[in-house]
N, C-alpha and C. Protein backbone atom coordinates (compact mmCIF):
# COMPACT_ATOMS: atom_id res chain seq x y z
N MET A 1 23.66 6.07 6.14
CA MET A 1 24.75 4.71 6.19
C MET A 1 26.11 5.16 6.46
N SER A 2 26.83 4.46 7.28
CA SER A 2 27.97 4.81 7.34
C SER A 2 29.22 4.58 6.48
N ASP A 3 28.94 3.40 5.71
CA ASP A 3 29.97 3.09 4.91
C ASP A 3 29.57 3.31 3.52
N LEU A 4 29.76 4.32 3.06
CA LEU A 4 29.28 4.65 1.79
C LEU A 4 29.52 3.76 0.61
N PRO A 5 31.30 3.59 0.29
CA PRO A 5 31.29 2.60 -0.62
C PRO A 5 30.83 1.23 -0.61
N SER A 6 30.46 0.76 0.67
CA SER A 6 29.91 -0.66 0.56
C SER A 6 28.14 -0.55 0.20
N SER A 7 27.81 0.83 0.71
CA SER A 7 26.28 1.03 0.63
C SER A 7 25.94 1.03 -0.90
N ARG A 8 26.87 1.72 -1.71
CA ARG A 8 26.85 1.98 -3.24
C ARG A 8 26.84 0.56 -3.85
N SER A 9 27.82 -0.18 -3.54
CA SER A 9 28.06 -1.62 -4.26
C SER A 9 26.88 -2.35 -3.89
N ALA A 10 26.32 -2.22 -2.75
CA ALA A 10 24.96 -3.10 -2.39
C ALA A 10 24.22 -2.61 -3.12
N ILE A 11 23.76 -1.43 -3.40
CA ILE A 11 23.06 -0.63 -4.29
C ILE A 11 22.75 -1.32 -5.70
N GLU A 12 24.38 -1.29 -6.28
CA GLU A 12 24.38 -1.89 -7.63
C GLU A 12 23.79 -3.29 -7.66
N ARG A 13 24.43 -3.92 -6.85
CA ARG A 13 24.24 -5.20 -7.01
C ARG A 13 22.66 -5.83 -6.97
N ALA A 14 21.87 -4.77 -6.41
CA ALA A 14 20.41 -4.98 -6.10
C ALA A 14 19.46 -4.81 -7.41
N ILE A 15 20.39 -3.98 -8.35
CA ILE A 15 19.70 -3.43 -9.52
C ILE A 15 19.70 -4.84 -10.45
N ARG A 16 18.75 -5.13 -10.85
CA ARG A 16 18.62 -6.55 -11.79
C ARG A 16 18.75 -5.74 -13.13
N ASN A 17 19.35 -6.50 -14.06
CA ASN A 17 19.27 -6.37 -15.41
C ASN A 17 18.42 -7.34 -16.04
N ILE A 18 17.50 -6.53 -16.98
CA ILE A 18 16.69 -7.35 -17.83
C ILE A 18 16.83 -7.13 -19.23
N PRO A 19 17.58 -8.23 -20.02
CA PRO A 19 17.96 -8.14 -21.45
C PRO A 19 16.61 -8.00 -22.46
N ASP A 20 16.81 -7.23 -23.06
CA ASP A 20 15.49 -7.24 -24.26
C ASP A 20 14.16 -6.63 -23.74
N PHE A 21 14.19 -5.74 -22.70
CA PHE A 21 12.80 -5.42 -22.10
C PHE A 21 13.19 -3.67 -22.26
N PRO A 22 12.06 -3.11 -22.82
CA PRO A 22 10.60 -3.31 -23.29
C PRO A 22 10.95 -3.86 -24.90
N LYS A 23 11.99 -4.02 -25.44
CA LYS A 23 12.15 -4.37 -26.55
C LYS A 23 13.63 -4.68 -27.07
N PRO A 24 13.76 -5.63 -28.03
CA PRO A 24 15.15 -6.09 -28.28
C PRO A 24 16.09 -5.05 -28.36
N GLY A 25 17.43 -5.24 -27.50
CA GLY A 25 18.53 -4.34 -27.41
C GLY A 25 18.55 -3.67 -26.34
N ILE A 26 17.62 -3.35 -25.75
CA ILE A 26 17.40 -2.46 -24.58
C ILE A 26 17.95 -3.59 -23.06
N GLN A 27 18.66 -2.84 -22.38
CA GLN A 27 19.30 -3.46 -21.28
C GLN A 27 18.36 -2.96 -19.89
N PHE A 28 17.21 -3.19 -19.59
CA PHE A 28 16.23 -2.65 -18.64
C PHE A 28 16.96 -2.71 -17.19
N LYS A 29 17.07 -1.93 -16.62
CA LYS A 29 17.53 -1.86 -15.13
C LYS A 29 16.29 -1.75 -14.23
N ASP A 30 16.30 -2.91 -13.46
CA ASP A 30 14.98 -3.22 -12.39
C ASP A 30 15.40 -2.90 -11.26
N ILE A 31 14.53 -1.59 -10.73
CA ILE A 31 15.13 -1.31 -9.27
C ILE A 31 13.87 -2.02 -8.26
N THR A 32 13.16 -2.85 -8.80
CA THR A 32 12.16 -3.23 -7.72
C THR A 32 12.88 -4.13 -6.70
N PRO A 33 13.97 -4.92 -6.87
CA PRO A 33 14.78 -5.74 -5.85
C PRO A 33 15.28 -4.71 -4.76
N LEU A 34 15.65 -3.69 -5.17
CA LEU A 34 16.34 -2.63 -4.41
C LEU A 34 15.20 -1.79 -3.61
N LEU A 35 13.96 -1.89 -4.38
CA LEU A 35 12.96 -1.04 -3.45
C LEU A 35 12.33 -1.86 -2.19
N ALA A 36 12.45 -3.28 -2.67
CA ALA A 36 11.94 -4.42 -1.76
C ALA A 36 12.90 -4.77 -0.33
N ASP A 37 13.98 -4.13 -0.44
CA ASP A 37 15.02 -4.01 0.52
C ASP A 37 14.87 -2.43 1.40
N ALA A 38 14.29 -2.74 2.50
CA ALA A 38 14.13 -1.33 3.11
C ALA A 38 15.49 -0.80 3.36
N ARG A 39 16.25 -1.59 3.83
CA ARG A 39 17.78 -0.95 4.11
C ARG A 39 18.36 -0.36 2.85
N LEU A 40 18.09 -0.97 2.04
CA LEU A 40 18.92 -0.34 0.88
C LEU A 40 18.19 0.78 0.13
N PHE A 41 16.88 0.74 0.11
CA PHE A 41 16.02 2.03 -0.33
C PHE A 41 16.45 2.88 0.65
N ALA A 42 16.55 2.81 2.02
CA ALA A 42 16.91 4.06 2.93
C ALA A 42 18.46 4.42 2.48
N ALA A 43 19.27 3.69 2.40
CA ALA A 43 20.72 3.97 1.94
C ALA A 43 20.50 4.98 0.70
N CYS A 44 19.65 4.50 -0.57
CA CYS A 44 19.30 5.51 -1.57
C CYS A 44 19.20 6.65 -1.15
N ILE A 45 18.19 6.89 -0.51
CA ILE A 45 17.47 8.18 0.14
C ILE A 45 18.59 8.87 0.73
N ASP A 46 19.38 8.34 1.87
CA ASP A 46 20.44 8.78 2.49
C ASP A 46 21.42 9.50 1.42
N LEU A 47 22.01 8.87 0.33
CA LEU A 47 23.10 9.28 -0.47
C LEU A 47 22.55 10.24 -1.41
N MET A 48 21.14 10.27 -1.81
CA MET A 48 20.73 11.14 -2.84
C MET A 48 20.43 12.40 -2.17
N THR A 49 20.41 12.49 -0.75
CA THR A 49 20.16 13.93 -0.03
C THR A 49 21.51 14.08 0.78
N ARG A 50 22.43 13.37 0.64
CA ARG A 50 23.55 13.70 1.52
C ARG A 50 24.06 15.02 1.76
N ASN A 51 23.84 15.67 0.67
CA ASN A 51 24.34 17.11 0.53
C ASN A 51 23.31 18.37 1.31
N PHE A 52 22.37 18.09 1.91
CA PHE A 52 21.28 18.71 2.15
C PHE A 52 20.84 18.37 3.67
N GLN A 53 20.45 19.23 4.70
CA GLN A 53 19.90 19.07 5.80
C GLN A 53 18.24 19.46 5.69
N PRO A 54 17.62 19.07 6.77
CA PRO A 54 16.10 19.74 6.88
C PRO A 54 16.12 21.28 7.05
N GLY A 55 15.38 22.04 6.06
CA GLY A 55 15.46 23.59 5.94
C GLY A 55 16.08 24.16 5.05
N THR A 56 16.88 23.20 4.31
CA THR A 56 18.08 23.76 3.21
C THR A 56 17.28 23.51 1.97
N VAL A 57 16.39 22.74 1.77
CA VAL A 57 15.44 22.56 0.60
C VAL A 57 14.14 23.00 0.77
N ASP A 58 13.47 23.71 -0.09
CA ASP A 58 12.03 24.06 0.02
C ASP A 58 11.39 22.72 -0.70
N ALA A 59 11.56 22.38 -1.81
CA ALA A 59 10.95 21.38 -2.58
C ALA A 59 11.71 20.29 -3.09
N VAL A 60 11.47 19.20 -3.10
CA VAL A 60 11.93 18.04 -3.87
C VAL A 60 11.13 17.81 -4.84
N VAL A 61 11.47 17.93 -6.41
CA VAL A 61 10.92 17.93 -7.45
C VAL A 61 11.33 16.48 -8.29
N GLY A 62 10.05 15.54 -8.40
CA GLY A 62 10.13 14.35 -8.96
C GLY A 62 9.98 14.26 -10.28
N ILE A 63 10.40 13.49 -11.16
CA ILE A 63 9.96 13.27 -12.29
C ILE A 63 9.06 11.76 -12.82
N ASP A 64 8.34 11.87 -13.31
CA ASP A 64 7.27 10.80 -13.46
C ASP A 64 8.12 9.64 -14.26
N ALA A 65 8.03 8.61 -13.86
CA ALA A 65 7.20 7.91 -12.89
C ALA A 65 8.00 7.49 -11.71
N ARG A 66 8.93 6.90 -11.76
CA ARG A 66 9.96 6.17 -10.94
C ARG A 66 10.69 7.09 -10.09
N GLY A 67 10.91 8.51 -10.50
CA GLY A 67 11.44 9.49 -9.82
C GLY A 67 10.64 9.60 -8.70
N PHE A 68 9.44 9.40 -8.78
CA PHE A 68 8.32 9.85 -7.59
C PHE A 68 8.55 9.19 -6.39
N ILE A 69 9.18 8.04 -6.52
CA ILE A 69 9.45 6.98 -5.30
C ILE A 69 10.39 7.75 -4.69
N PHE A 70 11.48 7.93 -5.25
CA PHE A 70 12.58 8.44 -4.80
C PHE A 70 12.61 9.91 -4.00
N ALA A 71 11.97 10.88 -4.94
CA ALA A 71 11.60 12.17 -4.50
C ALA A 71 10.74 12.30 -3.38
N ALA A 72 9.84 11.84 -3.48
CA ALA A 72 8.86 11.72 -2.21
C ALA A 72 9.40 11.05 -0.82
N ALA A 73 10.17 10.18 -0.92
CA ALA A 73 10.97 9.62 0.26
C ALA A 73 11.95 10.61 0.70
N ALA A 74 12.78 11.26 -0.39
CA ALA A 74 13.47 12.40 0.01
C ALA A 74 12.90 13.66 0.50
N ALA A 75 11.69 13.90 0.02
CA ALA A 75 11.09 15.19 0.48
C ALA A 75 10.41 14.65 2.16
N LEU A 76 10.23 13.89 2.30
CA LEU A 76 9.97 13.58 3.87
C LEU A 76 11.22 13.55 4.81
N LYS A 77 12.42 13.05 4.40
CA LYS A 77 13.48 13.15 5.05
C LYS A 77 14.01 14.67 5.07
N LEU A 78 13.82 15.26 3.99
CA LEU A 78 14.34 16.76 4.16
C LEU A 78 13.16 17.78 4.65
N GLN A 79 12.19 17.28 4.93
CA GLN A 79 10.92 18.13 5.70
C GLN A 79 10.62 19.08 4.60
N ALA A 80 10.71 18.75 3.34
CA ALA A 80 10.26 19.69 2.35
C ALA A 80 9.22 19.16 1.63
N GLY A 81 8.45 20.22 0.58
CA GLY A 81 7.48 19.83 0.08
C GLY A 81 7.78 18.71 -1.35
N PHE A 82 6.76 17.93 -1.69
CA PHE A 82 7.31 17.28 -3.18
C PHE A 82 6.44 17.81 -4.24
N VAL A 83 7.03 18.04 -5.29
CA VAL A 83 6.16 18.39 -6.42
C VAL A 83 6.44 17.52 -7.54
N PRO A 84 5.55 16.84 -8.34
CA PRO A 84 5.53 16.15 -9.45
C PRO A 84 5.66 16.84 -10.66
N VAL A 85 6.55 16.24 -11.46
CA VAL A 85 6.80 16.72 -12.88
C VAL A 85 6.13 15.29 -13.72
N ARG A 86 5.17 15.39 -14.28
CA ARG A 86 4.43 14.76 -14.93
C ARG A 86 4.28 14.73 -16.54
N LYS A 87 3.75 13.76 -17.27
CA LYS A 87 3.92 13.77 -18.59
C LYS A 87 2.64 14.75 -18.95
N LYS A 88 2.30 15.23 -20.26
CA LYS A 88 1.38 16.36 -20.55
C LYS A 88 0.17 15.52 -20.58
N GLY A 89 -0.92 16.50 -19.73
CA GLY A 89 -2.19 15.88 -19.85
C GLY A 89 -2.61 14.93 -18.52
N LYS A 90 -1.60 15.08 -17.58
CA LYS A 90 -1.75 14.02 -16.58
C LYS A 90 -2.06 14.74 -15.18
N LEU A 91 -1.91 16.14 -15.31
CA LEU A 91 -2.12 16.98 -14.07
C LEU A 91 -3.46 17.63 -14.26
N PRO A 92 -4.13 17.73 -12.97
CA PRO A 92 -5.73 18.35 -13.25
C PRO A 92 -5.63 20.01 -13.12
N PHE A 93 -4.77 20.52 -12.75
CA PHE A 93 -4.64 22.03 -12.60
C PHE A 93 -4.06 22.68 -13.59
N GLU A 94 -4.26 24.07 -13.64
CA GLU A 94 -3.54 24.83 -14.75
C GLU A 94 -1.73 24.54 -14.79
N THR A 95 -1.11 24.11 -15.92
CA THR A 95 0.25 23.80 -15.74
C THR A 95 1.02 24.52 -16.72
N ILE A 96 2.18 24.67 -16.89
CA ILE A 96 3.28 25.07 -17.70
C ILE A 96 3.77 23.73 -18.16
N GLU A 97 4.46 23.73 -19.44
CA GLU A 97 4.79 22.65 -20.19
C GLU A 97 6.24 22.90 -20.84
N GLN A 98 6.96 22.03 -21.11
CA GLN A 98 8.05 21.94 -21.61
C GLN A 98 8.34 20.75 -22.55
N GLU A 99 8.65 20.95 -23.89
CA GLU A 99 8.73 19.87 -24.69
C GLU A 99 10.31 19.63 -24.84
N PHE A 100 10.69 18.28 -25.32
CA PHE A 100 11.81 17.74 -25.27
C PHE A 100 11.83 16.80 -26.26
N SER A 101 13.04 16.51 -26.92
CA SER A 101 13.24 15.32 -27.85
C SER A 101 13.47 13.97 -27.48
N LEU A 102 12.96 12.98 -28.02
CA LEU A 102 12.97 11.64 -28.04
C LEU A 102 13.70 11.15 -29.17
N GLU A 103 14.25 9.87 -28.74
CA GLU A 103 14.75 9.32 -29.92
C GLU A 103 13.73 9.17 -31.55
N TYR A 104 12.67 9.10 -31.19
CA TYR A 104 12.02 9.18 -32.39
C TYR A 104 10.70 10.13 -32.11
N GLY A 105 10.73 11.14 -31.98
CA GLY A 105 9.67 12.10 -31.80
C GLY A 105 9.86 13.15 -30.69
N VAL A 106 8.76 13.60 -30.14
CA VAL A 106 9.04 14.58 -29.27
C VAL A 106 7.74 14.39 -28.10
N ALA A 107 8.27 14.53 -26.73
CA ALA A 107 7.34 14.50 -25.42
C ALA A 107 7.20 15.78 -25.12
N THR A 108 6.35 15.86 -23.99
CA THR A 108 6.16 17.03 -23.17
C THR A 108 6.01 16.81 -21.75
N VAL A 109 6.50 17.31 -20.92
CA VAL A 109 6.43 17.27 -19.39
C VAL A 109 5.63 18.52 -18.98
N ALA A 110 4.95 18.26 -17.91
CA ALA A 110 4.20 19.42 -17.24
C ALA A 110 4.31 19.74 -15.47
N MET A 111 4.10 20.79 -15.25
CA MET A 111 4.14 20.75 -13.71
C MET A 111 2.75 22.38 -13.31
N HIS A 112 2.27 22.09 -12.20
CA HIS A 112 1.35 23.02 -11.97
C HIS A 112 1.91 24.45 -11.71
N VAL A 113 1.23 25.25 -12.35
CA VAL A 113 1.66 26.77 -12.40
C VAL A 113 2.10 27.25 -10.92
N ASP A 114 1.62 26.74 -9.99
CA ASP A 114 1.67 27.02 -8.59
C ASP A 114 2.51 26.08 -7.79
N ALA A 115 3.17 25.30 -8.53
CA ALA A 115 3.88 24.19 -7.89
C ALA A 115 5.17 24.80 -7.02
N LEU A 116 5.59 25.91 -7.27
CA LEU A 116 6.76 26.21 -6.84
C LEU A 116 6.74 27.81 -6.60
N LYS A 117 7.35 28.46 -5.65
CA LYS A 117 7.41 29.93 -5.64
C LYS A 117 8.95 30.38 -5.98
N PRO A 118 8.88 31.46 -6.55
CA PRO A 118 10.12 32.35 -6.94
C PRO A 118 11.09 32.17 -5.97
N GLY A 119 12.31 31.89 -6.40
CA GLY A 119 13.40 31.52 -4.95
C GLY A 119 13.47 30.49 -4.39
N SER A 120 12.53 29.44 -4.64
CA SER A 120 12.18 28.19 -3.88
C SER A 120 13.77 27.38 -4.23
N ARG A 121 14.21 26.67 -3.16
CA ARG A 121 15.34 25.75 -3.48
C ARG A 121 15.00 24.47 -3.72
N VAL A 122 15.19 23.78 -4.79
CA VAL A 122 14.76 22.58 -5.25
C VAL A 122 15.86 21.61 -5.39
N LEU A 123 15.46 20.50 -5.02
CA LEU A 123 16.41 19.31 -5.22
C LEU A 123 15.42 18.33 -6.25
N LEU A 124 15.89 18.33 -7.60
CA LEU A 124 15.66 17.59 -8.88
C LEU A 124 15.84 16.12 -8.45
N ILE A 125 14.80 15.05 -8.63
CA ILE A 125 15.66 13.74 -8.46
C ILE A 125 14.61 13.04 -9.80
N ASP A 126 15.19 12.01 -9.97
CA ASP A 126 14.71 10.92 -10.95
C ASP A 126 15.70 9.69 -10.74
N ASP A 127 14.92 8.61 -11.33
CA ASP A 127 15.31 7.36 -11.14
C ASP A 127 16.53 7.11 -11.94
N LEU A 128 16.45 7.59 -13.33
CA LEU A 128 17.39 7.44 -14.34
C LEU A 128 17.89 8.47 -15.36
N LEU A 129 19.35 8.57 -15.38
CA LEU A 129 19.84 9.88 -16.42
C LEU A 129 20.06 8.96 -17.74
N ALA A 130 19.70 9.00 -18.66
CA ALA A 130 19.98 8.28 -19.99
C ALA A 130 20.39 9.57 -20.72
N THR A 131 19.52 9.96 -21.71
CA THR A 131 20.13 10.86 -22.86
C THR A 131 20.01 12.58 -22.10
N GLY A 132 19.13 12.62 -20.75
CA GLY A 132 19.08 13.93 -20.11
C GLY A 132 18.18 14.73 -20.58
N GLY A 133 17.33 14.44 -21.64
CA GLY A 133 16.26 15.13 -22.15
C GLY A 133 15.06 15.34 -20.99
N THR A 134 14.73 14.51 -20.48
CA THR A 134 13.62 14.69 -19.44
C THR A 134 14.12 15.48 -18.30
N ALA A 135 15.07 15.28 -17.85
CA ALA A 135 15.58 15.88 -16.67
C ALA A 135 16.00 17.46 -16.98
N GLU A 136 16.53 17.75 -18.27
CA GLU A 136 16.93 19.20 -18.80
C GLU A 136 15.33 19.83 -19.03
N ALA A 137 14.17 18.96 -19.33
CA ALA A 137 12.93 19.72 -19.49
C ALA A 137 12.47 20.03 -18.15
N ALA A 138 12.52 18.94 -17.24
CA ALA A 138 12.03 19.08 -15.91
C ALA A 138 12.83 20.49 -15.51
N ALA A 139 14.14 20.35 -15.44
CA ALA A 139 14.95 21.77 -14.94
C ALA A 139 14.45 23.03 -15.39
N ALA A 140 13.88 22.99 -16.94
CA ALA A 140 13.54 24.34 -17.51
C ALA A 140 12.04 24.54 -16.72
N LEU A 141 11.20 23.48 -16.41
CA LEU A 141 10.08 23.88 -15.78
C LEU A 141 10.46 24.64 -14.44
N VAL A 142 11.23 23.92 -13.67
CA VAL A 142 11.66 24.79 -12.35
C VAL A 142 11.78 26.21 -12.47
N GLN A 143 12.66 26.40 -13.39
CA GLN A 143 13.52 27.85 -13.56
C GLN A 143 12.29 28.55 -14.33
N LYS A 144 11.56 28.05 -15.18
CA LYS A 144 10.27 28.99 -15.52
C LYS A 144 9.48 29.47 -14.09
N LEU A 145 9.41 28.78 -13.26
CA LEU A 145 8.75 29.40 -12.06
C LEU A 145 9.54 30.06 -11.07
N GLY A 146 10.81 30.30 -11.54
CA GLY A 146 11.62 31.12 -10.89
C GLY A 146 12.34 30.60 -9.47
N ALA A 147 12.36 29.10 -9.43
CA ALA A 147 13.02 28.52 -8.73
C ALA A 147 14.41 28.29 -8.79
N ARG A 148 15.29 27.74 -7.91
CA ARG A 148 16.76 27.66 -8.00
C ARG A 148 16.98 26.10 -8.00
N ILE A 149 17.67 25.56 -8.65
CA ILE A 149 18.05 23.83 -8.55
C ILE A 149 19.35 23.92 -7.77
N LEU A 150 19.31 23.35 -6.69
CA LEU A 150 20.71 23.05 -5.79
C LEU A 150 21.46 21.95 -6.49
N GLU A 151 20.44 20.89 -6.77
CA GLU A 151 21.19 19.63 -7.38
C GLU A 151 20.12 18.86 -8.18
N ILE A 152 20.73 18.07 -8.91
CA ILE A 152 19.92 17.04 -9.91
C ILE A 152 20.39 15.56 -9.36
N SER A 153 19.76 14.92 -8.92
CA SER A 153 20.32 13.51 -8.47
C SER A 153 19.46 12.33 -8.82
N PHE A 154 20.35 11.43 -9.11
CA PHE A 154 19.82 10.11 -10.17
C PHE A 154 20.19 9.01 -9.22
N LEU A 155 19.32 8.07 -9.37
CA LEU A 155 19.64 6.65 -8.85
C LEU A 155 20.81 6.17 -9.65
N ILE A 156 20.44 5.93 -11.08
CA ILE A 156 21.25 5.32 -11.99
C ILE A 156 21.54 6.45 -13.14
N GLU A 157 22.78 6.19 -13.60
CA GLU A 157 23.49 7.10 -14.73
C GLU A 157 23.68 6.00 -16.03
N LEU A 158 23.40 6.12 -16.92
CA LEU A 158 23.81 5.65 -18.32
C LEU A 158 24.67 6.31 -19.02
N SER A 159 25.86 6.31 -18.54
CA SER A 159 26.90 7.35 -18.91
C SER A 159 27.34 7.20 -20.22
N PHE A 160 27.38 6.27 -21.05
CA PHE A 160 27.65 6.22 -22.26
C PHE A 160 26.62 7.02 -23.07
N LEU A 161 25.60 7.10 -22.56
CA LEU A 161 24.49 8.01 -23.37
C LEU A 161 24.73 9.57 -23.13
N LYS A 162 25.76 10.03 -22.54
CA LYS A 162 26.14 11.14 -22.23
C LYS A 162 25.04 12.26 -21.93
N GLY A 163 23.74 11.85 -21.22
CA GLY A 163 23.12 12.71 -20.54
C GLY A 163 23.57 13.97 -19.47
N ARG A 164 24.61 13.58 -19.06
CA ARG A 164 25.06 14.64 -18.03
C ARG A 164 25.32 16.15 -18.79
N GLU A 165 25.78 15.71 -20.17
CA GLU A 165 26.27 16.83 -20.86
C GLU A 165 25.20 17.99 -20.94
N LYS A 166 23.86 17.53 -21.18
CA LYS A 166 22.61 18.55 -21.26
C LYS A 166 22.47 19.09 -19.88
N LEU A 167 23.11 18.68 -18.93
CA LEU A 167 22.76 19.35 -17.55
C LEU A 167 23.87 20.20 -16.86
N GLN A 168 25.06 20.53 -17.84
CA GLN A 168 26.21 21.13 -17.26
C GLN A 168 25.88 22.08 -16.27
N GLN A 169 24.99 22.98 -16.59
CA GLN A 169 24.71 24.12 -15.85
C GLN A 169 24.34 23.64 -14.16
N TYR A 170 24.02 22.86 -13.67
CA TYR A 170 23.70 22.37 -12.72
C TYR A 170 24.60 21.29 -11.80
N PRO A 171 24.82 21.30 -10.67
CA PRO A 171 25.37 20.07 -9.79
C PRO A 171 24.65 18.73 -10.17
N VAL A 172 25.15 17.85 -10.54
CA VAL A 172 24.51 16.57 -10.85
C VAL A 172 25.27 15.36 -10.14
N SER A 173 24.33 14.32 -9.51
CA SER A 173 24.91 13.49 -8.97
C SER A 173 24.30 12.06 -9.20
N SER A 174 25.00 11.05 -9.18
CA SER A 174 24.27 9.72 -9.79
C SER A 174 24.85 8.64 -8.65
N LEU A 175 24.18 7.70 -8.18
CA LEU A 175 24.60 6.55 -7.26
C LEU A 175 25.47 5.44 -8.10
N VAL A 176 24.93 5.06 -8.94
CA VAL A 176 25.68 3.77 -9.76
C VAL A 176 25.50 4.39 -11.25
N SER A 177 26.55 4.15 -11.76
CA SER A 177 26.92 4.54 -12.98
C SER A 177 27.24 3.40 -13.98
N TYR A 178 26.63 3.10 -15.05
CA TYR A 178 26.93 2.01 -16.21
C TYR A 178 27.29 2.66 -17.41
């Protein structure tokens, strides 16, 4: 898109706030109106991939589940492969895993052992940066396979949760920050 500031503001306006979902006190950021608008969805992909051209990225890694939406579209635009990072137990082939802390407990994400080749250039994408634990775990999986993260890109960043601090070793971008 030619006018980045207006694109970003239109993207932000399309994100619907749902109070008290999925539980009281949470302000859920609903991206379905954004996805329903083909022009805004395309603008998101343009902005999330703005630092890259086809041939400069070998794989776009998307984080389960809404990150898949943006990562798959970005992979097509960049003529790169798409690699899913899923919750433990959801991938059918041999995997590598990474645990990370949640507010109350621990979770694990996984990636196929052959998903990336050593030296692969990776763009890591998710819809939301909150505390940074999931993205940090996904980045660790990428590095375990010997690939190199060029950037981590998010649609939304909840900056008050300081998730970016866990990702300081990587270039990080977000389109909308709350």
